[in-house]
Amino acid sequence: MPDLATLALFAAATLALLLVPGPAVTYIVTRSIAQGRSAGLVSVLGIHAGSVVHVAAAALGVSAVLAASATAFTIVKYLGAAYLVWLGLRRLLARADDGGAAEPPAASRRRMFWEGFAVNVLNPKTAIFFLAFLPQFADPAAGPIAPQIVLLGVIWTVLGVASDGAFALLASALAGRLRRSARARRRLDVAGGLVYLGLGAATALSGETAAARA
């Protein structure tokens, strides 16, 4: 299992990423604005039911890579770091969108749950992100990789439910105000870009340090 310092670093990095709104948060916010607090919270549960699927897929996939070759696992980690850097640059270079988020049609709680699940589990970018992010905190020397990935995924999901739930509560309270400021959205893009860049660079450098010690 990862040591406590690694888990603490992972939790801090996870919170930094979760607090920068992305497509899933946009869905949760628009549902909360359109149909209220309970609708937003049901959407949160659906989104993170999808996260569980991605965590399982990442655990199986990364374990298979490690079983094939330790060198391949290192390559996956470096590719993951590069992908995080690319996400950061993309957000930094994104143009501000003057339009507000589209308001979804009213739906039942059951439908909102499954729509949230589909929004997350059918998004290939989310699958790639989990494959890029979770292995950065796994260590083959600490034991089997799959349980480490599952543990990291559980931490991600718990923190995700908490942070996205907070977004749902805040959105339902503030309603339409969240859609009026293009400047605020641009600042969030810049903040998110810097978080991704920092995380990608840090994990790449830590990988180089580990390689130098090997």
N, C-alpha and C. Protein backbone atom coordinates (compact mmCIF):
# COMPACT_ATOMS: atom_id res chain seq x y z
N MET A 1 0.84 -1.20 0.00
CA MET A 1 0.00 0.00 0.00
C MET A 1 0.88 1.25 0.00
N PRO A 2 0.40 2.35 -0.60
CA PRO A 2 1.16 3.61 -0.53
C PRO A 2 1.30 4.06 0.92
N ASP A 3 2.42 4.74 1.23
CA ASP A 3 2.60 5.22 2.60
C ASP A 3 1.71 6.43 2.85
N LEU A 4 1.65 6.85 4.13
CA LEU A 4 0.75 7.94 4.51
C LEU A 4 1.12 9.25 3.83
N ALA A 5 2.41 9.50 3.63
CA ALA A 5 2.82 10.74 2.96
C ALA A 5 2.30 10.77 1.53
N THR A 6 2.39 9.62 0.84
CA THR A 6 1.89 9.55 -0.54
C THR A 6 0.38 9.74 -0.58
N LEU A 7 -0.33 9.11 0.36
CA LEU A 7 -1.78 9.26 0.41
C LEU A 7 -2.18 10.71 0.70
N ALA A 8 -1.44 11.37 1.58
CA ALA A 8 -1.73 12.77 1.89
C ALA A 8 -1.49 13.64 0.67
N LEU A 9 -0.39 13.38 -0.05
CA LEU A 9 -0.11 14.13 -1.27
C LEU A 9 -1.18 13.89 -2.32
N PHE A 10 -1.62 12.64 -2.44
CA PHE A 10 -2.67 12.31 -3.39
C PHE A 10 -3.97 13.02 -3.04
N ALA A 11 -4.33 13.03 -1.76
CA ALA A 11 -5.56 13.70 -1.33
C ALA A 11 -5.49 15.19 -1.63
N ALA A 12 -4.32 15.81 -1.40
CA ALA A 12 -4.17 17.24 -1.67
C ALA A 12 -4.28 17.52 -3.16
N ALA A 13 -3.62 16.69 -3.98
CA ALA A 13 -3.68 16.88 -5.43
C ALA A 13 -5.11 16.66 -5.94
N THR A 14 -5.79 15.66 -5.39
CA THR A 14 -7.17 15.37 -5.78
C THR A 14 -8.08 16.55 -5.48
N LEU A 15 -7.97 17.10 -4.28
CA LEU A 15 -8.80 18.25 -3.91
C LEU A 15 -8.52 19.45 -4.81
N ALA A 16 -7.23 19.66 -5.14
CA ALA A 16 -6.89 20.78 -6.03
C ALA A 16 -7.56 20.61 -7.38
N LEU A 17 -7.59 19.39 -7.90
CA LEU A 17 -8.22 19.14 -9.20
C LEU A 17 -9.74 19.21 -9.11
N LEU A 18 -10.30 18.64 -8.05
CA LEU A 18 -11.76 18.61 -7.92
C LEU A 18 -12.35 20.00 -7.72
N LEU A 19 -11.59 20.90 -7.11
CA LEU A 19 -12.12 22.24 -6.84
C LEU A 19 -12.09 23.15 -8.06
N VAL A 20 -11.49 22.67 -9.16
CA VAL A 20 -11.52 23.41 -10.42
C VAL A 20 -12.62 22.81 -11.29
N PRO A 21 -13.72 23.53 -11.53
CA PRO A 21 -14.86 22.95 -12.23
C PRO A 21 -14.51 22.44 -13.63
N GLY A 22 -15.02 21.25 -13.94
CA GLY A 22 -14.89 20.66 -15.27
C GLY A 22 -16.26 20.30 -15.80
N PRO A 23 -16.33 19.44 -16.85
CA PRO A 23 -17.63 19.09 -17.45
C PRO A 23 -18.61 18.46 -16.47
N ALA A 24 -18.13 17.59 -15.57
CA ALA A 24 -19.04 16.96 -14.62
C ALA A 24 -19.64 17.99 -13.67
N VAL A 25 -18.81 18.92 -13.21
CA VAL A 25 -19.31 19.97 -12.32
C VAL A 25 -20.30 20.86 -13.06
N THR A 26 -20.01 21.14 -14.33
CA THR A 26 -20.94 21.93 -15.13
C THR A 26 -22.31 21.26 -15.18
N TYR A 27 -22.32 19.94 -15.39
CA TYR A 27 -23.58 19.20 -15.41
C TYR A 27 -24.29 19.30 -14.06
N ILE A 28 -23.55 19.10 -12.99
CA ILE A 28 -24.13 19.16 -11.65
C ILE A 28 -24.69 20.54 -11.36
N VAL A 29 -23.93 21.58 -11.72
CA VAL A 29 -24.37 22.95 -11.46
C VAL A 29 -25.64 23.28 -12.23
N THR A 30 -25.66 22.91 -13.52
CA THR A 30 -26.85 23.23 -14.31
C THR A 30 -28.08 22.48 -13.82
N ARG A 31 -27.89 21.24 -13.38
CA ARG A 31 -29.02 20.50 -12.80
C ARG A 31 -29.49 21.16 -11.50
N SER A 32 -28.55 21.60 -10.69
CA SER A 32 -28.91 22.24 -9.42
C SER A 32 -29.66 23.53 -9.65
N ILE A 33 -29.22 24.30 -10.65
CA ILE A 33 -29.88 25.56 -10.97
C ILE A 33 -31.28 25.30 -11.50
N ALA A 34 -31.40 24.29 -12.37
CA ALA A 34 -32.68 24.03 -13.04
C ALA A 34 -33.72 23.41 -12.11
N GLN A 35 -33.28 22.47 -11.25
CA GLN A 35 -34.26 21.70 -10.49
C GLN A 35 -34.01 21.66 -8.98
N GLY A 36 -33.00 22.40 -8.50
CA GLY A 36 -32.83 22.50 -7.07
C GLY A 36 -31.77 21.59 -6.48
N ARG A 37 -31.65 21.69 -5.17
CA ARG A 37 -30.58 21.02 -4.43
C ARG A 37 -30.61 19.51 -4.58
N SER A 38 -31.78 18.88 -4.40
CA SER A 38 -31.83 17.42 -4.44
C SER A 38 -31.46 16.91 -5.83
N ALA A 39 -31.85 17.64 -6.88
CA ALA A 39 -31.49 17.23 -8.23
C ALA A 39 -29.98 17.24 -8.41
N GLY A 40 -29.33 18.27 -7.88
CA GLY A 40 -27.88 18.35 -7.97
C GLY A 40 -27.20 17.22 -7.23
N LEU A 41 -27.70 16.88 -6.04
CA LEU A 41 -27.09 15.82 -5.25
C LEU A 41 -27.29 14.45 -5.89
N VAL A 42 -28.43 14.21 -6.50
CA VAL A 42 -28.65 12.95 -7.22
C VAL A 42 -27.69 12.87 -8.41
N SER A 43 -27.47 13.99 -9.08
CA SER A 43 -26.53 14.02 -10.20
C SER A 43 -25.11 13.71 -9.72
N VAL A 44 -24.75 14.21 -8.54
CA VAL A 44 -23.43 13.92 -7.96
C VAL A 44 -23.26 12.41 -7.78
N LEU A 45 -24.28 11.75 -7.23
CA LEU A 45 -24.19 10.30 -7.01
C LEU A 45 -24.05 9.56 -8.33
N GLY A 46 -24.77 10.00 -9.36
CA GLY A 46 -24.65 9.36 -10.67
C GLY A 46 -23.27 9.53 -11.26
N ILE A 47 -22.73 10.75 -11.17
CA ILE A 47 -21.39 11.04 -11.69
C ILE A 47 -20.36 10.11 -11.04
N HIS A 48 -20.43 9.97 -9.75
CA HIS A 48 -19.39 9.21 -9.06
C HIS A 48 -19.64 7.71 -9.05
N ALA A 49 -20.85 7.28 -9.38
CA ALA A 49 -21.03 5.87 -9.71
C ALA A 49 -20.24 5.55 -10.97
N GLY A 50 -20.21 6.52 -11.89
CA GLY A 50 -19.37 6.36 -13.08
C GLY A 50 -17.89 6.35 -12.75
N SER A 51 -17.49 7.14 -11.75
CA SER A 51 -16.09 7.16 -11.33
C SER A 51 -15.64 5.78 -10.87
N VAL A 52 -16.52 5.05 -10.18
CA VAL A 52 -16.18 3.70 -9.71
C VAL A 52 -15.83 2.80 -10.89
N VAL A 53 -16.57 2.92 -11.97
CA VAL A 53 -16.29 2.12 -13.17
C VAL A 53 -14.90 2.45 -13.71
N HIS A 54 -14.57 3.74 -13.78
CA HIS A 54 -13.26 4.15 -14.29
C HIS A 54 -12.13 3.68 -13.38
N VAL A 55 -12.36 3.69 -12.08
CA VAL A 55 -11.34 3.23 -11.13
C VAL A 55 -11.06 1.75 -11.35
N ALA A 56 -12.13 0.96 -11.49
CA ALA A 56 -11.96 -0.48 -11.72
C ALA A 56 -11.21 -0.74 -13.02
N ALA A 57 -11.57 0.01 -14.07
CA ALA A 57 -10.89 -0.16 -15.36
C ALA A 57 -9.42 0.23 -15.25
N ALA A 58 -9.12 1.30 -14.52
CA ALA A 58 -7.74 1.73 -14.35
C ALA A 58 -6.94 0.68 -13.57
N ALA A 59 -7.54 0.12 -12.52
CA ALA A 59 -6.85 -0.89 -11.73
C ALA A 59 -6.50 -2.10 -12.57
N LEU A 60 -7.45 -2.56 -13.38
CA LEU A 60 -7.20 -3.72 -14.23
C LEU A 60 -6.18 -3.40 -15.32
N GLY A 61 -6.33 -2.21 -15.93
CA GLY A 61 -5.45 -1.85 -17.04
C GLY A 61 -4.01 -1.63 -16.61
N VAL A 62 -3.82 -0.89 -15.53
CA VAL A 62 -2.46 -0.60 -15.06
C VAL A 62 -1.80 -1.87 -14.54
N SER A 63 -2.57 -2.73 -13.89
CA SER A 63 -2.02 -3.99 -13.41
C SER A 63 -1.55 -4.86 -14.58
N ALA A 64 -2.32 -4.85 -15.66
CA ALA A 64 -1.94 -5.62 -16.84
C ALA A 64 -0.65 -5.09 -17.45
N VAL A 65 -0.52 -3.76 -17.47
CA VAL A 65 0.70 -3.16 -18.01
C VAL A 65 1.90 -3.54 -17.17
N LEU A 66 1.75 -3.48 -15.85
CA LEU A 66 2.86 -3.82 -14.97
C LEU A 66 3.23 -5.30 -15.08
N ALA A 67 2.23 -6.15 -15.23
CA ALA A 67 2.50 -7.58 -15.38
C ALA A 67 3.30 -7.85 -16.65
N ALA A 68 3.05 -7.05 -17.67
CA ALA A 68 3.76 -7.23 -18.94
C ALA A 68 5.20 -6.74 -18.84
N SER A 69 5.41 -5.59 -18.18
CA SER A 69 6.76 -5.02 -18.13
C SER A 69 6.80 -3.86 -17.14
N ALA A 70 7.81 -3.87 -16.25
CA ALA A 70 8.01 -2.75 -15.35
C ALA A 70 8.37 -1.49 -16.12
N THR A 71 9.10 -1.66 -17.24
CA THR A 71 9.45 -0.52 -18.09
C THR A 71 8.20 0.09 -18.69
N ALA A 72 7.25 -0.77 -19.09
CA ALA A 72 5.99 -0.27 -19.66
C ALA A 72 5.23 0.54 -18.63
N PHE A 73 5.28 0.11 -17.38
CA PHE A 73 4.60 0.85 -16.32
C PHE A 73 5.22 2.25 -16.17
N THR A 74 6.55 2.33 -16.23
CA THR A 74 7.22 3.62 -16.15
C THR A 74 6.82 4.51 -17.32
N ILE A 75 6.72 3.91 -18.50
CA ILE A 75 6.30 4.67 -19.69
C ILE A 75 4.88 5.21 -19.50
N VAL A 76 4.00 4.37 -18.94
CA VAL A 76 2.62 4.81 -18.68
C VAL A 76 2.62 6.01 -17.73
N LYS A 77 3.48 5.98 -16.70
CA LYS A 77 3.53 7.09 -15.76
C LYS A 77 4.00 8.37 -16.45
N TYR A 78 5.01 8.26 -17.31
CA TYR A 78 5.51 9.45 -18.00
C TYR A 78 4.46 9.98 -19.00
N LEU A 79 3.80 9.07 -19.69
CA LEU A 79 2.73 9.50 -20.60
C LEU A 79 1.61 10.18 -19.83
N GLY A 80 1.31 9.65 -18.64
CA GLY A 80 0.29 10.27 -17.80
C GLY A 80 0.68 11.67 -17.38
N ALA A 81 1.95 11.85 -16.99
CA ALA A 81 2.42 13.19 -16.61
C ALA A 81 2.33 14.14 -17.79
N ALA A 82 2.71 13.66 -18.98
CA ALA A 82 2.62 14.50 -20.18
C ALA A 82 1.18 14.88 -20.48
N TYR A 83 0.26 13.94 -20.27
CA TYR A 83 -1.16 14.22 -20.51
C TYR A 83 -1.67 15.29 -19.56
N LEU A 84 -1.25 15.24 -18.30
CA LEU A 84 -1.67 16.25 -17.33
C LEU A 84 -1.14 17.63 -17.72
N VAL A 85 0.11 17.69 -18.20
CA VAL A 85 0.67 18.95 -18.68
C VAL A 85 -0.14 19.47 -19.86
N TRP A 86 -0.50 18.56 -20.78
CA TRP A 86 -1.29 18.96 -21.95
C TRP A 86 -2.65 19.52 -21.52
N LEU A 87 -3.28 18.89 -20.54
CA LEU A 87 -4.56 19.41 -20.04
C LEU A 87 -4.39 20.82 -19.49
N GLY A 88 -3.28 21.03 -18.77
CA GLY A 88 -3.02 22.36 -18.21
C GLY A 88 -2.85 23.41 -19.30
N LEU A 89 -2.06 23.10 -20.32
CA LEU A 89 -1.85 24.06 -21.42
C LEU A 89 -3.16 24.33 -22.14
N ARG A 90 -3.96 23.30 -22.31
CA ARG A 90 -5.24 23.48 -23.02
C ARG A 90 -6.15 24.44 -22.26
N ARG A 91 -6.18 24.30 -20.94
CA ARG A 91 -7.04 25.20 -20.16
C ARG A 91 -6.49 26.62 -20.14
N LEU A 92 -5.17 26.75 -20.06
CA LEU A 92 -4.57 28.09 -20.05
C LEU A 92 -4.81 28.81 -21.37
N LEU A 93 -4.82 28.08 -22.48
CA LEU A 93 -4.96 28.68 -23.80
C LEU A 93 -6.41 28.77 -24.26
N ALA A 94 -7.33 28.23 -23.46
CA ALA A 94 -8.74 28.25 -23.85
C ALA A 94 -9.27 29.68 -23.87
N ARG A 95 -10.14 29.95 -24.81
CA ARG A 95 -10.78 31.26 -24.88
C ARG A 95 -11.97 31.30 -23.94
N ALA A 96 -12.20 32.47 -23.39
CA ALA A 96 -13.37 32.64 -22.51
C ALA A 96 -14.64 32.49 -23.31
N ASP A 97 -15.62 31.83 -22.74
CA ASP A 97 -16.92 31.62 -23.37
C ASP A 97 -17.91 32.61 -22.78
N ASP A 98 -18.43 33.50 -23.62
CA ASP A 98 -19.35 34.53 -23.11
C ASP A 98 -20.75 33.98 -22.84
N GLY A 99 -21.03 32.79 -23.36
CA GLY A 99 -22.37 32.24 -23.18
C GLY A 99 -22.51 31.51 -21.86
N GLY A 100 -23.71 31.42 -21.33
CA GLY A 100 -23.95 30.68 -20.11
C GLY A 100 -24.12 29.21 -20.40
N ALA A 101 -24.13 28.42 -19.36
CA ALA A 101 -24.36 27.00 -19.52
C ALA A 101 -25.80 26.74 -19.92
N ALA A 102 -25.99 25.80 -20.83
CA ALA A 102 -27.34 25.48 -21.27
C ALA A 102 -28.09 24.79 -20.14
N GLU A 103 -29.32 25.16 -19.98
CA GLU A 103 -30.11 24.58 -18.90
C GLU A 103 -30.77 23.31 -19.40
N PRO A 104 -30.55 22.15 -18.75
CA PRO A 104 -31.12 20.90 -19.22
C PRO A 104 -32.61 20.84 -18.94
N PRO A 105 -33.35 20.02 -19.73
CA PRO A 105 -34.77 19.87 -19.47
C PRO A 105 -35.01 19.17 -18.14
N ALA A 106 -36.21 19.41 -17.55
CA ALA A 106 -36.55 18.77 -16.28
C ALA A 106 -36.57 17.26 -16.45
N ALA A 107 -36.16 16.54 -15.41
CA ALA A 107 -36.11 15.08 -15.46
C ALA A 107 -36.39 14.51 -14.08
N SER A 108 -36.74 13.21 -14.04
CA SER A 108 -36.97 12.53 -12.76
C SER A 108 -35.63 12.27 -12.08
N ARG A 109 -35.69 11.97 -10.78
CA ARG A 109 -34.47 11.70 -10.03
C ARG A 109 -33.76 10.47 -10.60
N ARG A 110 -34.52 9.44 -10.95
CA ARG A 110 -33.91 8.24 -11.52
C ARG A 110 -33.19 8.57 -12.83
N ARG A 111 -33.83 9.35 -13.67
CA ARG A 111 -33.21 9.71 -14.94
C ARG A 111 -31.96 10.55 -14.71
N MET A 112 -32.00 11.48 -13.76
CA MET A 112 -30.83 12.32 -13.50
C MET A 112 -29.65 11.49 -13.01
N PHE A 113 -29.94 10.48 -12.18
CA PHE A 113 -28.85 9.62 -11.71
C PHE A 113 -28.18 8.93 -12.89
N TRP A 114 -28.97 8.32 -13.75
CA TRP A 114 -28.39 7.57 -14.87
C TRP A 114 -27.78 8.49 -15.92
N GLU A 115 -28.32 9.69 -16.07
CA GLU A 115 -27.68 10.65 -16.97
C GLU A 115 -26.31 11.06 -16.43
N GLY A 116 -26.24 11.30 -15.11
CA GLY A 116 -24.95 11.62 -14.50
C GLY A 116 -23.96 10.48 -14.67
N PHE A 117 -24.44 9.26 -14.47
CA PHE A 117 -23.59 8.08 -14.65
C PHE A 117 -23.07 8.03 -16.09
N ALA A 118 -23.97 8.25 -17.06
CA ALA A 118 -23.56 8.19 -18.47
C ALA A 118 -22.59 9.31 -18.82
N VAL A 119 -22.84 10.53 -18.28
CA VAL A 119 -21.96 11.66 -18.55
C VAL A 119 -20.52 11.31 -18.19
N ASN A 120 -20.34 10.59 -17.09
CA ASN A 120 -19.00 10.27 -16.61
C ASN A 120 -18.44 8.99 -17.24
N VAL A 121 -19.20 7.91 -17.17
CA VAL A 121 -18.65 6.61 -17.57
C VAL A 121 -18.44 6.51 -19.08
N LEU A 122 -19.20 7.26 -19.88
CA LEU A 122 -19.06 7.19 -21.33
C LEU A 122 -18.12 8.25 -21.89
N ASN A 123 -17.46 8.99 -21.01
CA ASN A 123 -16.53 10.03 -21.45
C ASN A 123 -15.12 9.43 -21.55
N PRO A 124 -14.60 9.22 -22.77
CA PRO A 124 -13.26 8.62 -22.88
C PRO A 124 -12.17 9.47 -22.24
N LYS A 125 -12.37 10.79 -22.20
CA LYS A 125 -11.36 11.66 -21.58
C LYS A 125 -11.25 11.38 -20.09
N THR A 126 -12.37 11.04 -19.45
CA THR A 126 -12.33 10.70 -18.03
C THR A 126 -11.56 9.40 -17.81
N ALA A 127 -11.78 8.43 -18.68
CA ALA A 127 -11.05 7.17 -18.58
C ALA A 127 -9.55 7.40 -18.72
N ILE A 128 -9.17 8.21 -19.69
CA ILE A 128 -7.75 8.51 -19.92
C ILE A 128 -7.19 9.25 -18.71
N PHE A 129 -7.98 10.17 -18.15
CA PHE A 129 -7.49 10.92 -16.99
C PHE A 129 -7.19 9.99 -15.82
N PHE A 130 -8.08 9.07 -15.52
CA PHE A 130 -7.83 8.15 -14.41
C PHE A 130 -6.59 7.30 -14.68
N LEU A 131 -6.41 6.86 -15.91
CA LEU A 131 -5.22 6.08 -16.25
C LEU A 131 -3.96 6.93 -16.16
N ALA A 132 -4.10 8.24 -16.37
CA ALA A 132 -2.94 9.14 -16.29
C ALA A 132 -2.64 9.54 -14.85
N PHE A 133 -3.67 9.75 -14.05
CA PHE A 133 -3.50 10.35 -12.72
C PHE A 133 -3.19 9.33 -11.64
N LEU A 134 -3.98 8.28 -11.54
CA LEU A 134 -3.84 7.35 -10.42
C LEU A 134 -2.47 6.67 -10.37
N PRO A 135 -1.91 6.23 -11.51
CA PRO A 135 -0.60 5.55 -11.43
C PRO A 135 0.53 6.44 -10.91
N GLN A 136 0.37 7.76 -10.95
CA GLN A 136 1.44 8.63 -10.47
C GLN A 136 1.70 8.42 -8.98
N PHE A 137 0.72 7.86 -8.26
CA PHE A 137 0.85 7.70 -6.81
C PHE A 137 0.94 6.23 -6.40
N ALA A 138 1.06 5.35 -7.39
CA ALA A 138 1.22 3.93 -7.11
C ALA A 138 2.69 3.55 -7.20
N ASP A 139 3.09 2.62 -6.37
CA ASP A 139 4.50 2.21 -6.31
C ASP A 139 4.58 0.68 -6.36
N PRO A 140 5.13 0.11 -7.44
CA PRO A 140 5.24 -1.35 -7.52
C PRO A 140 6.01 -1.96 -6.35
N ALA A 141 6.94 -1.19 -5.77
CA ALA A 141 7.72 -1.70 -4.65
C ALA A 141 6.89 -1.80 -3.37
N ALA A 142 5.73 -1.13 -3.33
CA ALA A 142 4.90 -1.12 -2.13
C ALA A 142 3.88 -2.26 -2.11
N GLY A 143 3.87 -3.09 -3.16
CA GLY A 143 2.93 -4.21 -3.20
C GLY A 143 2.16 -4.23 -4.51
N PRO A 144 1.16 -5.12 -4.62
CA PRO A 144 0.37 -5.23 -5.84
C PRO A 144 -0.24 -3.88 -6.24
N ILE A 145 -0.23 -3.60 -7.54
CA ILE A 145 -0.70 -2.31 -8.03
C ILE A 145 -2.22 -2.17 -7.96
N ALA A 146 -2.96 -3.21 -8.30
CA ALA A 146 -4.42 -3.10 -8.36
C ALA A 146 -5.04 -2.61 -7.05
N PRO A 147 -4.68 -3.19 -5.88
CA PRO A 147 -5.25 -2.67 -4.62
C PRO A 147 -4.87 -1.21 -4.36
N GLN A 148 -3.66 -0.81 -4.77
CA GLN A 148 -3.25 0.59 -4.60
C GLN A 148 -4.14 1.51 -5.44
N ILE A 149 -4.37 1.12 -6.70
CA ILE A 149 -5.21 1.93 -7.57
C ILE A 149 -6.63 2.02 -7.03
N VAL A 150 -7.15 0.89 -6.52
CA VAL A 150 -8.51 0.87 -5.95
C VAL A 150 -8.58 1.80 -4.74
N LEU A 151 -7.58 1.72 -3.86
CA LEU A 151 -7.57 2.59 -2.68
C LEU A 151 -7.54 4.06 -3.09
N LEU A 152 -6.66 4.39 -4.04
CA LEU A 152 -6.59 5.77 -4.51
C LEU A 152 -7.92 6.19 -5.15
N GLY A 153 -8.54 5.26 -5.87
CA GLY A 153 -9.82 5.56 -6.50
C GLY A 153 -10.93 5.79 -5.48
N VAL A 154 -10.91 5.02 -4.40
CA VAL A 154 -11.91 5.22 -3.33
C VAL A 154 -11.73 6.60 -2.70
N ILE A 155 -10.48 6.97 -2.44
CA ILE A 155 -10.22 8.30 -1.88
C ILE A 155 -10.72 9.38 -2.83
N TRP A 156 -10.39 9.24 -4.13
CA TRP A 156 -10.86 10.19 -5.14
C TRP A 156 -12.39 10.30 -5.10
N THR A 157 -13.07 9.16 -5.08
CA THR A 157 -14.53 9.16 -5.15
C THR A 157 -15.15 9.81 -3.92
N VAL A 158 -14.62 9.50 -2.74
CA VAL A 158 -15.15 10.10 -1.51
C VAL A 158 -14.96 11.61 -1.52
N LEU A 159 -13.75 12.05 -1.89
CA LEU A 159 -13.50 13.49 -1.96
C LEU A 159 -14.33 14.13 -3.07
N GLY A 160 -14.52 13.39 -4.17
CA GLY A 160 -15.33 13.92 -5.27
C GLY A 160 -16.78 14.12 -4.88
N VAL A 161 -17.35 13.15 -4.17
CA VAL A 161 -18.73 13.30 -3.71
C VAL A 161 -18.86 14.51 -2.79
N ALA A 162 -17.86 14.69 -1.91
CA ALA A 162 -17.91 15.82 -0.98
C ALA A 162 -17.79 17.16 -1.71
N SER A 163 -16.82 17.28 -2.61
CA SER A 163 -16.60 18.56 -3.30
C SER A 163 -17.72 18.86 -4.29
N ASP A 164 -18.13 17.85 -5.06
CA ASP A 164 -19.22 18.08 -6.03
C ASP A 164 -20.54 18.32 -5.32
N GLY A 165 -20.73 17.67 -4.17
CA GLY A 165 -21.92 17.96 -3.38
C GLY A 165 -21.94 19.40 -2.92
N ALA A 166 -20.76 19.93 -2.56
CA ALA A 166 -20.67 21.34 -2.16
C ALA A 166 -21.02 22.25 -3.34
N PHE A 167 -20.55 21.89 -4.54
CA PHE A 167 -20.90 22.66 -5.73
C PHE A 167 -22.42 22.64 -5.96
N ALA A 168 -23.04 21.48 -5.76
CA ALA A 168 -24.48 21.37 -5.96
C ALA A 168 -25.23 22.27 -4.97
N LEU A 169 -24.82 22.25 -3.71
CA LEU A 169 -25.47 23.08 -2.70
C LEU A 169 -25.27 24.57 -2.99
N LEU A 170 -24.05 24.93 -3.38
CA LEU A 170 -23.76 26.33 -3.68
C LEU A 170 -24.53 26.80 -4.91
N ALA A 171 -24.57 25.95 -5.94
CA ALA A 171 -25.26 26.32 -7.17
C ALA A 171 -26.75 26.51 -6.93
N SER A 172 -27.34 25.62 -6.14
CA SER A 172 -28.77 25.75 -5.88
C SER A 172 -29.07 27.02 -5.08
N ALA A 173 -28.10 27.46 -4.27
CA ALA A 173 -28.30 28.68 -3.48
C ALA A 173 -28.11 29.94 -4.33
N LEU A 174 -27.09 29.91 -5.21
CA LEU A 174 -26.78 31.12 -5.99
C LEU A 174 -27.52 31.19 -7.31
N ALA A 175 -27.99 30.03 -7.79
CA ALA A 175 -28.77 29.94 -9.03
C ALA A 175 -28.10 30.67 -10.19
N GLY A 176 -28.85 31.57 -10.85
CA GLY A 176 -28.39 32.16 -12.11
C GLY A 176 -27.14 33.01 -12.04
N ARG A 177 -26.73 33.44 -10.87
CA ARG A 177 -25.53 34.28 -10.78
C ARG A 177 -24.29 33.59 -11.34
N LEU A 178 -24.26 32.25 -11.24
CA LEU A 178 -23.08 31.50 -11.68
C LEU A 178 -22.88 31.54 -13.19
N ARG A 179 -23.90 31.96 -13.93
CA ARG A 179 -23.77 31.93 -15.38
C ARG A 179 -23.48 33.29 -15.99
N ARG A 180 -23.33 34.34 -15.19
CA ARG A 180 -23.26 35.68 -15.76
C ARG A 180 -21.85 36.21 -15.97
N SER A 181 -20.84 35.64 -15.33
CA SER A 181 -19.51 36.24 -15.39
C SER A 181 -18.53 35.42 -16.21
N ALA A 182 -18.24 35.90 -17.44
CA ALA A 182 -17.23 35.25 -18.28
C ALA A 182 -15.85 35.40 -17.66
N ARG A 183 -15.59 36.52 -16.98
CA ARG A 183 -14.28 36.75 -16.35
C ARG A 183 -14.02 35.71 -15.27
N ALA A 184 -15.03 35.41 -14.47
CA ALA A 184 -14.86 34.41 -13.41
C ALA A 184 -14.57 33.05 -14.00
N ARG A 185 -15.26 32.69 -15.09
CA ARG A 185 -15.00 31.40 -15.72
C ARG A 185 -13.59 31.33 -16.26
N ARG A 186 -13.10 32.47 -16.82
CA ARG A 186 -11.74 32.47 -17.35
C ARG A 186 -10.71 32.31 -16.22
N ARG A 187 -10.96 32.92 -15.08
CA ARG A 187 -10.04 32.76 -13.95
C ARG A 187 -9.99 31.31 -13.49
N LEU A 188 -11.13 30.63 -13.51
CA LEU A 188 -11.15 29.23 -13.15
C LEU A 188 -10.34 28.39 -14.13
N ASP A 189 -10.43 28.74 -15.44
CA ASP A 189 -9.63 28.03 -16.43
C ASP A 189 -8.14 28.19 -16.16
N VAL A 190 -7.72 29.42 -15.86
CA VAL A 190 -6.30 29.68 -15.58
C VAL A 190 -5.86 28.91 -14.33
N ALA A 191 -6.68 28.95 -13.28
CA ALA A 191 -6.34 28.23 -12.06
C ALA A 191 -6.23 26.73 -12.32
N GLY A 192 -7.19 26.20 -13.07
CA GLY A 192 -7.15 24.78 -13.39
C GLY A 192 -5.95 24.41 -14.22
N GLY A 193 -5.61 25.26 -15.20
CA GLY A 193 -4.44 25.01 -16.03
C GLY A 193 -3.17 24.94 -15.22
N LEU A 194 -3.01 25.86 -14.27
CA LEU A 194 -1.82 25.87 -13.43
C LEU A 194 -1.75 24.63 -12.53
N VAL A 195 -2.90 24.18 -12.04
CA VAL A 195 -2.92 22.98 -11.21
C VAL A 195 -2.46 21.77 -12.02
N TYR A 196 -3.01 21.61 -13.23
CA TYR A 196 -2.62 20.48 -14.07
C TYR A 196 -1.14 20.54 -14.44
N LEU A 197 -0.66 21.74 -14.81
CA LEU A 197 0.76 21.88 -15.17
C LEU A 197 1.66 21.52 -14.00
N GLY A 198 1.32 22.04 -12.82
CA GLY A 198 2.13 21.76 -11.65
C GLY A 198 2.16 20.29 -11.30
N LEU A 199 0.99 19.64 -11.37
CA LEU A 199 0.91 18.22 -11.04
C LEU A 199 1.68 17.39 -12.07
N GLY A 200 1.51 17.71 -13.36
CA GLY A 200 2.21 16.97 -14.40
C GLY A 200 3.72 17.11 -14.27
N ALA A 201 4.20 18.33 -14.03
CA ALA A 201 5.64 18.56 -13.89
C ALA A 201 6.18 17.86 -12.65
N ALA A 202 5.44 17.94 -11.54
CA ALA A 202 5.91 17.33 -10.30
C ALA A 202 6.02 15.81 -10.43
N THR A 203 5.02 15.19 -11.06
CA THR A 203 5.07 13.74 -11.19
C THR A 203 6.16 13.31 -12.17
N ALA A 204 6.38 14.08 -13.22
CA ALA A 204 7.45 13.75 -14.17
C ALA A 204 8.81 13.85 -13.48
N LEU A 205 9.03 14.91 -12.71
CA LEU A 205 10.30 15.09 -12.02
C LEU A 205 10.50 14.03 -10.94
N SER A 206 9.44 13.66 -10.25
CA SER A 206 9.58 12.62 -9.23
C SER A 206 9.91 11.29 -9.87
N GLY A 207 9.39 11.07 -11.07
CA GLY A 207 9.72 9.86 -11.80
C GLY A 207 11.17 9.83 -12.20
N GLU A 208 11.73 11.00 -12.63
CA GLU A 208 13.12 11.06 -12.99
C GLU A 208 14.02 10.80 -11.78
N THR A 209 13.61 11.35 -10.61
CA THR A 209 14.39 11.15 -9.39
C THR A 209 14.42 9.68 -9.01
N ALA A 210 13.26 9.02 -9.11
CA ALA A 210 13.21 7.61 -8.77
C ALA A 210 14.07 6.80 -9.73
N ALA A 211 14.05 7.17 -11.03
CA ALA A 211 14.84 6.45 -12.01
C ALA A 211 16.33 6.62 -11.73
N ALA A 212 16.70 7.81 -11.27
CA ALA A 212 18.10 8.07 -10.99
C ALA A 212 18.57 7.24 -9.80
N ARG A 213 17.67 6.97 -8.84
CA ARG A 213 18.05 6.19 -7.66
C ARG A 213 18.13 4.71 -7.97
N ALA A 214 17.39 4.29 -9.01
CA ALA A 214 17.32 2.85 -9.33
C ALA A 214 18.64 2.33 -9.88
